[in-house]
C-alpha atoms as a PDB file:
ATOM      1  CA  MET A   1      -1.910  -0.375  25.887  1.00  0.00           C
ATOM      2  CA  SER A   2       0.773   2.257  27.141  1.00  0.00           C
ATOM      3  CA  LYS A   3      -0.150   5.916  27.947  1.00  0.00           C
ATOM      4  CA  GLY A   4       2.175   6.684  24.772  1.00  0.00           C
ATOM      5  CA  LYS A   5       0.119   4.604  22.331  1.00  0.00           C
ATOM      6  CA  LEU A   6      -3.284   6.215  23.677  1.00  0.00           C
ATOM      7  CA  GLU A   7      -1.844   9.722  23.061  1.00  0.00           C
ATOM      8  CA  LYS A   8      -0.690   8.631  19.546  1.00  0.00           C
ATOM      9  CA  PHE A   9      -4.099   7.287  18.758  1.00  0.00           C
ATOM     10  CA  LYS A  10      -5.931  10.454  20.035  1.00  0.00           C
ATOM     11  CA  GLU A  11      -3.620  12.754  18.422  1.00  0.00           C
ATOM     12  CA  VAL A  12      -3.429  10.760  15.008  1.00  0.00           C
ATOM     13  CA  THR A  13      -7.452  11.350  14.802  1.00  0.00           C
ATOM     14  CA  GLU A  14      -6.654  15.218  15.095  1.00  0.00           C
ATOM     15  CA  PHE A  15      -4.223  15.305  12.181  1.00  0.00           C
ATOM     16  CA  PRO A  16      -5.620  17.154   9.020  1.00  0.00           C
ATOM     17  CA  ASN A  17      -3.744  14.734   6.635  1.00  0.00           C
ATOM     18  CA  THR A  18      -5.199  11.637   8.298  1.00  0.00           C
ATOM     19  CA  LEU A  19      -8.393   9.865   8.026  1.00  0.00           C
ATOM     20  CA  GLU A  20      -9.579   7.249  10.131  1.00  0.00           C
ATOM     21  CA  TYR A  21     -12.532   4.539   9.223  1.00  0.00           C
ATOM     22  CA  PRO A  22     -11.639   1.344  10.883  1.00  0.00           C
ATOM     23  CA  ASP A  23     -14.758  -0.111   9.848  1.00  0.00           C
ATOM     24  CA  PHE A  24     -16.153   0.074  13.261  1.00  0.00           C
ATOM     25  CA  GLN A  25     -17.833   3.395  13.038  1.00  0.00           C
ATOM     26  CA  ASP A  26     -21.519   3.971  12.046  1.00  0.00           C
ATOM     27  CA  GLU A  27     -22.683   3.245   8.484  1.00  0.00           C
ATOM     28  CA  GLY A  28     -23.708   6.737   8.266  1.00  0.00           C
ATOM     29  CA  SER A  29     -20.192   8.121   8.258  1.00  0.00           C
ATOM     30  CA  GLN A  30     -19.261  10.103   4.894  1.00  0.00           C
ATOM     31  CA  LYS A  31     -16.356   8.340   3.191  1.00  0.00           C
ATOM     32  CA  PRO A  32     -14.091   9.811   0.938  1.00  0.00           C
ATOM     33  CA  ARG A  33     -14.848   7.363  -2.046  1.00  0.00           C
ATOM     34  CA  GLY A  34     -15.016   9.341  -5.310  1.00  0.00           C
ATOM     35  CA  ARG A  35     -13.774  12.722  -3.623  1.00  0.00           C
ATOM     36  CA  TRP A  36     -10.182  12.269  -3.353  1.00  0.00           C
ATOM     37  CA  HIS A  37      -9.390  14.777  -6.109  1.00  0.00           C
ATOM     38  CA  SER A  38     -12.046  17.477  -5.387  1.00  0.00           C
ATOM     39  CA  ASP A  39     -12.148  17.265  -1.650  1.00  0.00           C
ATOM     40  CA  ILE A  40      -9.189  15.543  -0.026  1.00  0.00           C
ATOM     41  CA  PHE A  41      -6.296  16.607  -2.173  1.00  0.00           C
ATOM     42  CA  GLU A  42      -8.113  19.339  -4.196  1.00  0.00           C
ATOM     43  CA  ASN A  43      -6.119  18.782  -7.445  1.00  0.00           C
ATOM     44  CA  HIS A  44      -6.241  16.528 -10.043  1.00  0.00           C
ATOM     45  CA  ASN A  45      -2.841  14.837 -10.099  1.00  0.00           C
ATOM     46  CA  PRO A  46      -2.433  11.072 -10.115  1.00  0.00           C
ATOM     47  CA  ILE A  47      -3.188   9.136  -6.851  1.00  0.00           C
ATOM     48  CA  VAL A  48      -0.859   6.353  -5.702  1.00  0.00           C
ATOM     49  CA  LEU A  49      -1.698   3.774  -2.728  1.00  0.00           C
ATOM     50  CA  GLU A  50       0.729   2.194  -0.435  1.00  0.00           C
ATOM     51  CA  LEU A  51      -1.102  -0.595   1.151  1.00  0.00           C
ATOM     52  CA  ALA A  52       0.306  -1.889   4.860  1.00  0.00           C
ATOM     53  CA  CYS A  53       2.327   1.401   5.050  1.00  0.00           C
ATOM     54  CA  GLY A  54       3.388   0.658   8.640  1.00  0.00           C
ATOM     55  CA  LYS A  55       5.013   3.893   9.719  1.00  0.00           C
ATOM     56  CA  GLY A  56       4.841   5.592   6.122  1.00  0.00           C
ATOM     57  CA  THR A  57       8.626   5.522   5.323  1.00  0.00           C
ATOM     58  CA  TYR A  58       8.058   4.338   1.807  1.00  0.00           C
ATOM     59  CA  THR A  59       4.757   6.629   1.320  1.00  0.00           C
ATOM     60  CA  LEU A  60       6.970   9.815   2.504  1.00  0.00           C
ATOM     61  CA  GLU A  61      10.141   9.220   0.303  1.00  0.00           C
ATOM     62  CA  LEU A  62       7.766   8.266  -2.543  1.00  0.00           C
ATOM     63  CA  ALA A  63       5.907  11.804  -2.060  1.00  0.00           C
ATOM     64  CA  ARG A  64       9.313  13.680  -1.674  1.00  0.00           C
ATOM     65  CA  GLN A  65      10.820  12.117  -5.091  1.00  0.00           C
ATOM     66  CA  ASN A  66       7.582  12.870  -6.632  1.00  0.00           C
ATOM     67  CA  PRO A  67       5.647  16.252  -5.517  1.00  0.00           C
ATOM     68  CA  GLU A  68       3.535  16.015  -8.855  1.00  0.00           C
ATOM     69  CA  ILE A  69       1.592  12.993  -7.503  1.00  0.00           C
ATOM     70  CA  ASN A  70      -0.730  12.295  -4.482  1.00  0.00           C
ATOM     71  CA  PHE A  71      -0.040   9.580  -2.004  1.00  0.00           C
ATOM     72  CA  VAL A  72      -2.021   7.801   0.371  1.00  0.00           C
ATOM     73  CA  GLY A  73      -0.460   5.491   2.886  1.00  0.00           C
ATOM     74  CA  ILE A  74      -2.911   2.756   4.088  1.00  0.00           C
ATOM     75  CA  ASP A  75      -2.753   0.691   7.440  1.00  0.00           C
ATOM     76  CA  ILE A  76      -5.346  -0.259  10.239  1.00  0.00           C
ATOM     77  CA  LYS A  77      -2.642   0.316  13.068  1.00  0.00           C
ATOM     78  CA  GLY A  78      -3.153   4.001  14.161  1.00  0.00           C
ATOM     79  CA  GLY A  79       0.139   3.930  16.230  1.00  0.00           C
ATOM     80  CA  ARG A  80       2.169   3.167  13.050  1.00  0.00           C
ATOM     81  CA  ILE A  81       0.231   5.666  11.105  1.00  0.00           C
ATOM     82  CA  TRP A  82       0.882   8.395  13.574  1.00  0.00           C
ATOM     83  CA  LYS A  83       4.730   8.471  13.037  1.00  0.00           C
ATOM     84  CA  GLY A  84       4.258   8.804   9.440  1.00  0.00           C
ATOM     85  CA  ALA A  85       1.516  11.531   9.408  1.00  0.00           C
ATOM     86  CA  LYS A  86       3.395  13.694  11.812  1.00  0.00           C
ATOM     87  CA  LYS A  87       6.432  13.453   9.854  1.00  0.00           C
ATOM     88  CA  ALA A  88       4.533  14.562   6.619  1.00  0.00           C
ATOM     89  CA  LEU A  89       3.281  17.583   8.613  1.00  0.00           C
ATOM     90  CA  GLU A  90       6.591  18.542   9.911  1.00  0.00           C
ATOM     91  CA  GLU A  91       7.827  18.470   6.256  1.00  0.00           C
ATOM     92  CA  GLY A  92       5.093  20.272   4.860  1.00  0.00           C
ATOM     93  CA  LEU A  93       4.191  17.257   2.436  1.00  0.00           C
ATOM     94  CA  GLU A  94       1.071  18.409   1.012  1.00  0.00           C
ATOM     95  CA  ASN A  95       0.716  15.469  -1.335  1.00  0.00           C
ATOM     96  CA  VAL A  96       0.355  12.916   1.426  1.00  0.00           C
ATOM     97  CA  ARG A  97      -2.458  11.469   3.279  1.00  0.00           C
ATOM     98  CA  PHE A  98      -2.868   8.580   5.489  1.00  0.00           C
ATOM     99  CA  LEU A  99      -5.973   6.457   5.725  1.00  0.00           C
ATOM    100  CA  ARG A 100      -6.728   4.017   8.600  1.00  0.00           C
ATOM    101  CA  ILE A 101      -9.022   1.213   7.064  1.00  0.00           C
ATOM    102  CA  TYR A 102      -8.813  -2.402   6.670  1.00  0.00           C
ATOM    103  CA  ILE A 103      -7.369  -2.915   3.110  1.00  0.00           C
ATOM    104  CA  ASP A 104     -10.032  -5.900   2.221  1.00  0.00           C
ATOM    105  CA  HIS A 105     -12.557  -2.888   2.590  1.00  0.00           C
ATOM    106  CA  LEU A 106     -10.495  -0.740  -0.017  1.00  0.00           C
ATOM    107  CA  ASP A 107     -13.273  -0.253  -2.736  1.00  0.00           C
ATOM    108  CA  GLU A 108     -15.623   1.111   0.121  1.00  0.00           C
ATOM    109  CA  TYR A 109     -13.133   4.217   0.222  1.00  0.00           C
ATOM    110  CA  PHE A 110     -12.062   4.529  -3.466  1.00  0.00           C
ATOM    111  CA  GLY A 111     -14.247   4.522  -6.513  1.00  0.00           C
ATOM    112  CA  PRO A 112     -13.515   3.210  -9.897  1.00  0.00           C
ATOM    113  CA  ASP A 113     -10.787   4.336 -11.704  1.00  0.00           C
ATOM    114  CA  GLU A 114      -9.613   6.724  -8.926  1.00  0.00           C
ATOM    115  CA  VAL A 115      -6.236   4.983  -8.258  1.00  0.00           C
ATOM    116  CA  ASP A 116      -3.167   5.439 -10.617  1.00  0.00           C
ATOM    117  CA  ASP A 117      -0.795   2.920  -9.085  1.00  0.00           C
ATOM    118  CA  ILE A 118      -0.352   0.739  -5.924  1.00  0.00           C
ATOM    119  CA  TRP A 119       2.510   0.004  -3.848  1.00  0.00           C
ATOM    120  CA  ILE A 120       2.850  -3.026  -1.560  1.00  0.00           C
ATOM    121  CA  THR A 121       5.816  -3.005   0.306  1.00  0.00           C
ATOM    122  CA  PHE A 122       7.005  -5.790   3.101  1.00  0.00           C
ATOM    123  CA  PRO A 123       3.193  -7.323   3.797  1.00  0.00           C
ATOM    124  CA  ASP A 124       2.919  -9.816   6.301  1.00  0.00           C
ATOM    125  CA  PRO A 125       3.808 -12.923   4.379  1.00  0.00           C
ATOM    126  CA  TYR A 126       1.185 -15.225   6.178  1.00  0.00           C
ATOM    127  CA  PRO A 127       3.685 -18.353   5.999  1.00  0.00           C
ATOM    128  CA  ARG A 128       0.688 -20.732   7.279  1.00  0.00           C
ATOM    129  CA  TYR A 129      -1.235 -22.369   4.464  1.00  0.00           C
ATOM    130  CA  SER A 130      -4.441 -21.599   5.938  1.00  0.00           C
ATOM    131  CA  ASP A 131      -3.693 -18.254   6.036  1.00  0.00           C
ATOM    132  CA  ARG A 132      -2.808 -17.556   2.537  1.00  0.00           C
ATOM    133  CA  ASN A 133      -6.087 -16.189   1.626  1.00  0.00           C
ATOM    134  CA  LYS A 134      -4.803 -12.880   3.769  1.00  0.00           C
ATOM    135  CA  ARG A 135      -1.804 -12.380   1.575  1.00  0.00           C
ATOM    136  CA  LEU A 136      -2.285  -8.997  -0.504  1.00  0.00           C
ATOM    137  CA  SER A 137      -0.895 -10.217  -3.578  1.00  0.00           C
ATOM    138  CA  GLY A 138      -3.659 -13.544  -3.799  1.00  0.00           C
ATOM    139  CA  PRO A 139      -6.597 -13.323  -5.946  1.00  0.00           C
ATOM    140  CA  LYS A 140      -9.018 -12.023  -3.311  1.00  0.00           C
ATOM    141  CA  PHE A 141      -7.236  -9.017  -3.121  1.00  0.00           C
ATOM    142  CA  LEU A 142      -6.386  -8.706  -6.789  1.00  0.00           C
ATOM    143  CA  LYS A 143      -9.874  -8.560  -7.643  1.00  0.00           C
ATOM    144  CA  ILE A 144     -10.656  -5.545  -4.909  1.00  0.00           C
ATOM    145  CA  TYR A 145      -7.758  -3.631  -6.671  1.00  0.00           C
ATOM    146  CA  GLN A 146      -9.480  -4.128  -9.822  1.00  0.00           C
ATOM    147  CA  ARG A 147     -12.342  -2.112  -8.568  1.00  0.00           C
ATOM    148  CA  VAL A 148     -10.422   1.116  -7.956  1.00  0.00           C
ATOM    149  CA  LEU A 149      -7.331   1.029 -10.096  1.00  0.00           C
ATOM    150  CA  LYS A 150      -7.165   2.621 -13.460  1.00  0.00           C
ATOM    151  CA  GLN A 151      -6.801   0.361 -16.700  1.00  0.00           C
ATOM    152  CA  GLY A 152      -3.102  -0.343 -16.963  1.00  0.00           C
ATOM    153  CA  GLY A 153      -2.313   0.882 -13.503  1.00  0.00           C
ATOM    154  CA  ALA A 154       0.696  -0.728 -11.880  1.00  0.00           C
ATOM    155  CA  ILE A 155       1.018  -2.551  -8.910  1.00  0.00           C
ATOM    156  CA  ASN A 156       4.391  -2.610  -7.285  1.00  0.00           C
ATOM    157  CA  PHE A 157       5.330  -5.461  -4.964  1.00  0.00           C
ATOM    158  CA  LYS A 158       8.155  -5.790  -2.802  1.00  0.00           C
ATOM    159  CA  THR A 159       9.096  -8.520  -0.161  1.00  0.00           C
ATOM    160  CA  ASP A 160      11.891 -10.328   1.435  1.00  0.00           C
ATOM    161  CA  SER A 161       9.845 -13.603   1.678  1.00  0.00           C
ATOM    162  CA  ASN A 162      10.951 -15.948  -1.125  1.00  0.00           C
ATOM    163  CA  GLU A 163       7.681 -18.012  -0.168  1.00  0.00           C
ATOM    164  CA  LEU A 164       5.564 -15.020  -0.692  1.00  0.00           C
ATOM    165  CA  PHE A 165       7.425 -13.963  -3.979  1.00  0.00           C
ATOM    166  CA  THR A 166       6.712 -17.346  -5.438  1.00  0.00           C
ATOM    167  CA  PHE A 167       3.031 -17.146  -4.437  1.00  0.00           C
ATOM    168  CA  THR A 168       2.686 -13.535  -5.992  1.00  0.00           C
ATOM    169  CA  LYS A 169       4.398 -14.595  -9.232  1.00  0.00           C
ATOM    170  CA  GLU A 170       1.965 -17.483  -9.620  1.00  0.00           C
ATOM    171  CA  SER A 171      -1.108 -15.552  -8.346  1.00  0.00           C
ATOM    172  CA  VAL A 172      -0.194 -12.796 -11.068  1.00  0.00           C
ATOM    173  CA  ARG A 173       0.256 -15.556 -13.715  1.00  0.00           C
ATOM    174  CA  GLN A 174      -2.908 -17.626 -12.711  1.00  0.00           C
ATOM    175  CA  SER A 175      -5.010 -14.241 -12.606  1.00  0.00           C
ATOM    176  CA  GLY A 176      -4.068 -13.218 -16.419  1.00  0.00           C
ATOM    177  CA  CYS A 177      -1.939 -10.050 -14.854  1.00  0.00           C
ATOM    178  CA  LYS A 178       0.829  -8.519 -17.169  1.00  0.00           C
ATOM    179  CA  VAL A 179       4.238  -8.519 -15.965  1.00  0.00           C
ATOM    180  CA  HIS A 180       6.189  -5.423 -16.324  1.00  0.00           C
ATOM    181  CA  ASP A 181       9.225  -6.110 -14.417  1.00  0.00           C
ATOM    182  CA  VAL A 182      10.743  -8.705 -12.101  1.00  0.00           C
ATOM    183  CA  VAL A 183      13.936  -8.382  -9.958  1.00  0.00           C
ATOM    184  CA  GLU A 184      14.774 -11.312  -8.014  1.00  0.00           C
ATOM    185  CA  GLU A 185      17.584  -9.687  -5.879  1.00  0.00           C
ATOM    186  CA  ILE A 186      17.197  -5.658  -5.807  1.00  0.00           C
ATOM    187  CA  TYR A 187      20.445  -4.882  -4.008  1.00  0.00           C
ATOM    188  CA  GLN A 188      22.471  -7.035  -6.809  1.00  0.00           C
ATOM    189  CA  GLU A 189      20.566  -6.246  -9.914  1.00  0.00           C
ATOM    190  CA  ARG A 190      19.479  -2.619  -9.169  1.00  0.00           C
ATOM    191  CA  PRO A 191      21.520  -1.301  -6.416  1.00  0.00           C
ATOM    192  CA  ASP A 192      21.236   2.323  -7.725  1.00  0.00           C
ATOM    193  CA  ASP A 193      17.436   2.342  -8.421  1.00  0.00           C
ATOM    194  CA  GLU A 194      16.147   5.202  -6.223  1.00  0.00           C
ATOM    195  CA  LEU A 195      12.567   3.582  -5.903  1.00  0.00           C
ATOM    196  CA  LEU A 196      13.415   0.147  -5.248  1.00  0.00           C
ATOM    197  CA  THR A 197      16.106   0.686  -2.754  1.00  0.00           C
ATOM    198  CA  ILE A 198      14.101   2.931  -0.427  1.00  0.00           C
ATOM    199  CA  GLN A 199      14.385   1.402   2.781  1.00  0.00           C
ATOM    200  CA  THR A 200      11.793   0.944   5.611  1.00  0.00           C
ATOM    201  CA  TYR A 201      12.789  -0.025   9.271  1.00  0.00           C
ATOM    202  CA  PHE A 202      11.771  -3.790   8.397  1.00  0.00           C
ATOM    203  CA  GLU A 203      13.887  -3.727   5.224  1.00  0.00           C
ATOM    204  CA  ARG A 204      16.998  -2.797   6.990  1.00  0.00           C
ATOM    205  CA  ARG A 205      16.185  -5.299   9.570  1.00  0.00           C
ATOM    206  CA  HIS A 206      15.857  -8.099   6.636  1.00  0.00           C
ATOM    207  CA  LEU A 207      19.171  -6.676   5.105  1.00  0.00           C
ATOM    208  CA  GLU A 208      21.008  -6.978   8.467  1.00  0.00           C
ATOM    209  CA  LYS A 209      19.844 -10.700   8.413  1.00  0.00           C
ATOM    210  CA  GLY A 210      21.062 -11.361   4.898  1.00  0.00           C
ATOM    211  CA  ARG A 211      17.762 -11.759   3.151  1.00  0.00           C
ATOM    212  CA  THR A 212      16.978 -11.151  -0.339  1.00  0.00           C
ATOM    213  CA  ILE A 213      14.561  -8.562  -1.539  1.00  0.00           C
ATOM    214  CA  SER A 214      12.487  -8.966  -4.700  1.00  0.00           C
ATOM    215  CA  PHE A 215      10.311  -6.935  -6.540  1.00  0.00           C
ATOM    216  CA  ILE A 216       7.686  -7.174  -9.235  1.00  0.00           C
ATOM    217  CA  LYS A 217       5.592  -4.926 -11.332  1.00  0.00           C
ATOM    218  CA  PHE A 218       2.428  -5.854 -12.812  1.00  0.00           C
ATOM    219  CA  SER A 219      -0.834  -4.832 -14.023  1.00  0.00           C
ATOM    220  CA  LEU A 220      -4.114  -6.543 -13.811  1.00  0.00           C
ATOM    221  CA  PRO A 221      -6.163  -7.827 -16.573  1.00  0.00           C
ATOM    222  CA  VAL A 222      -9.265  -6.239 -18.148  1.00  0.00           C
ATOM    223  CA  ALA A 223     -11.603  -9.229 -17.642  1.00  0.00           C
ATOM    224  CA  PRO A 224     -12.795  -9.643 -14.149  1.00  0.00           C
ATOM    225  CA  ILE A 225     -10.566 -12.000 -12.283  1.00  0.00           C
ATOM    226  CA  THR A 226     -12.812 -14.950 -11.222  1.00  0.00           C
ATOM    227  CA  ARG A 227     -10.048 -17.744 -10.025  1.00  0.00           C
ATOM    228  CA  GLU A 228      -9.915 -18.513  -6.338  1.00  0.00           C
ATOM    229  CA  LEU A 229      -6.699 -19.885  -4.550  1.00  0.00           C
ATOM    230  CA  ASP A 230      -5.874 -23.328  -5.609  1.00  0.00           C
END
């Protein structure tokens, strides 16, 4: 690991807008579950998560466009979070926080109905069949989202992987989710959409390679999801 990364890891732990719980700390550490409104943001504005946020490009732009909403960018890689957290501090974005955790532990850090919406932008597609349980739109994760997301809260999913998009649509269907919007090719169908055309570093690279960028918005069923992967 280079000295630059070590410095970033150290610095990000000291940022006032970043919380670190990478699940190898003592069990006694106080987690923010149930305290996001009262202690973290100190307001009652809606809370929106971006999962696997990387450098936080999407989190930051969503926050700029929606100052009345609180945004939390979540990732496990501290070096990536550092860039977004630093930018938020430089811009004085008070409605942004970053959280370093493993996403499959999400319900340990957010309580029931504490989250209003979720964004998932360009997650790892895990193309190998044996890794499909790691996909953030699979039933394993949909069950976790049910434990923190308000009833009717939306999940916004954006990807350049046709395989992952097909998998996600089928996962959503089999899990009994309600689909609100499907965009097969964002830059052909919605080129002027301010939210859908926010471009991360990875998205710009995907577009340079001529890849299709797709989007689906859905909400989870009221009944607990019980299905597993087929």
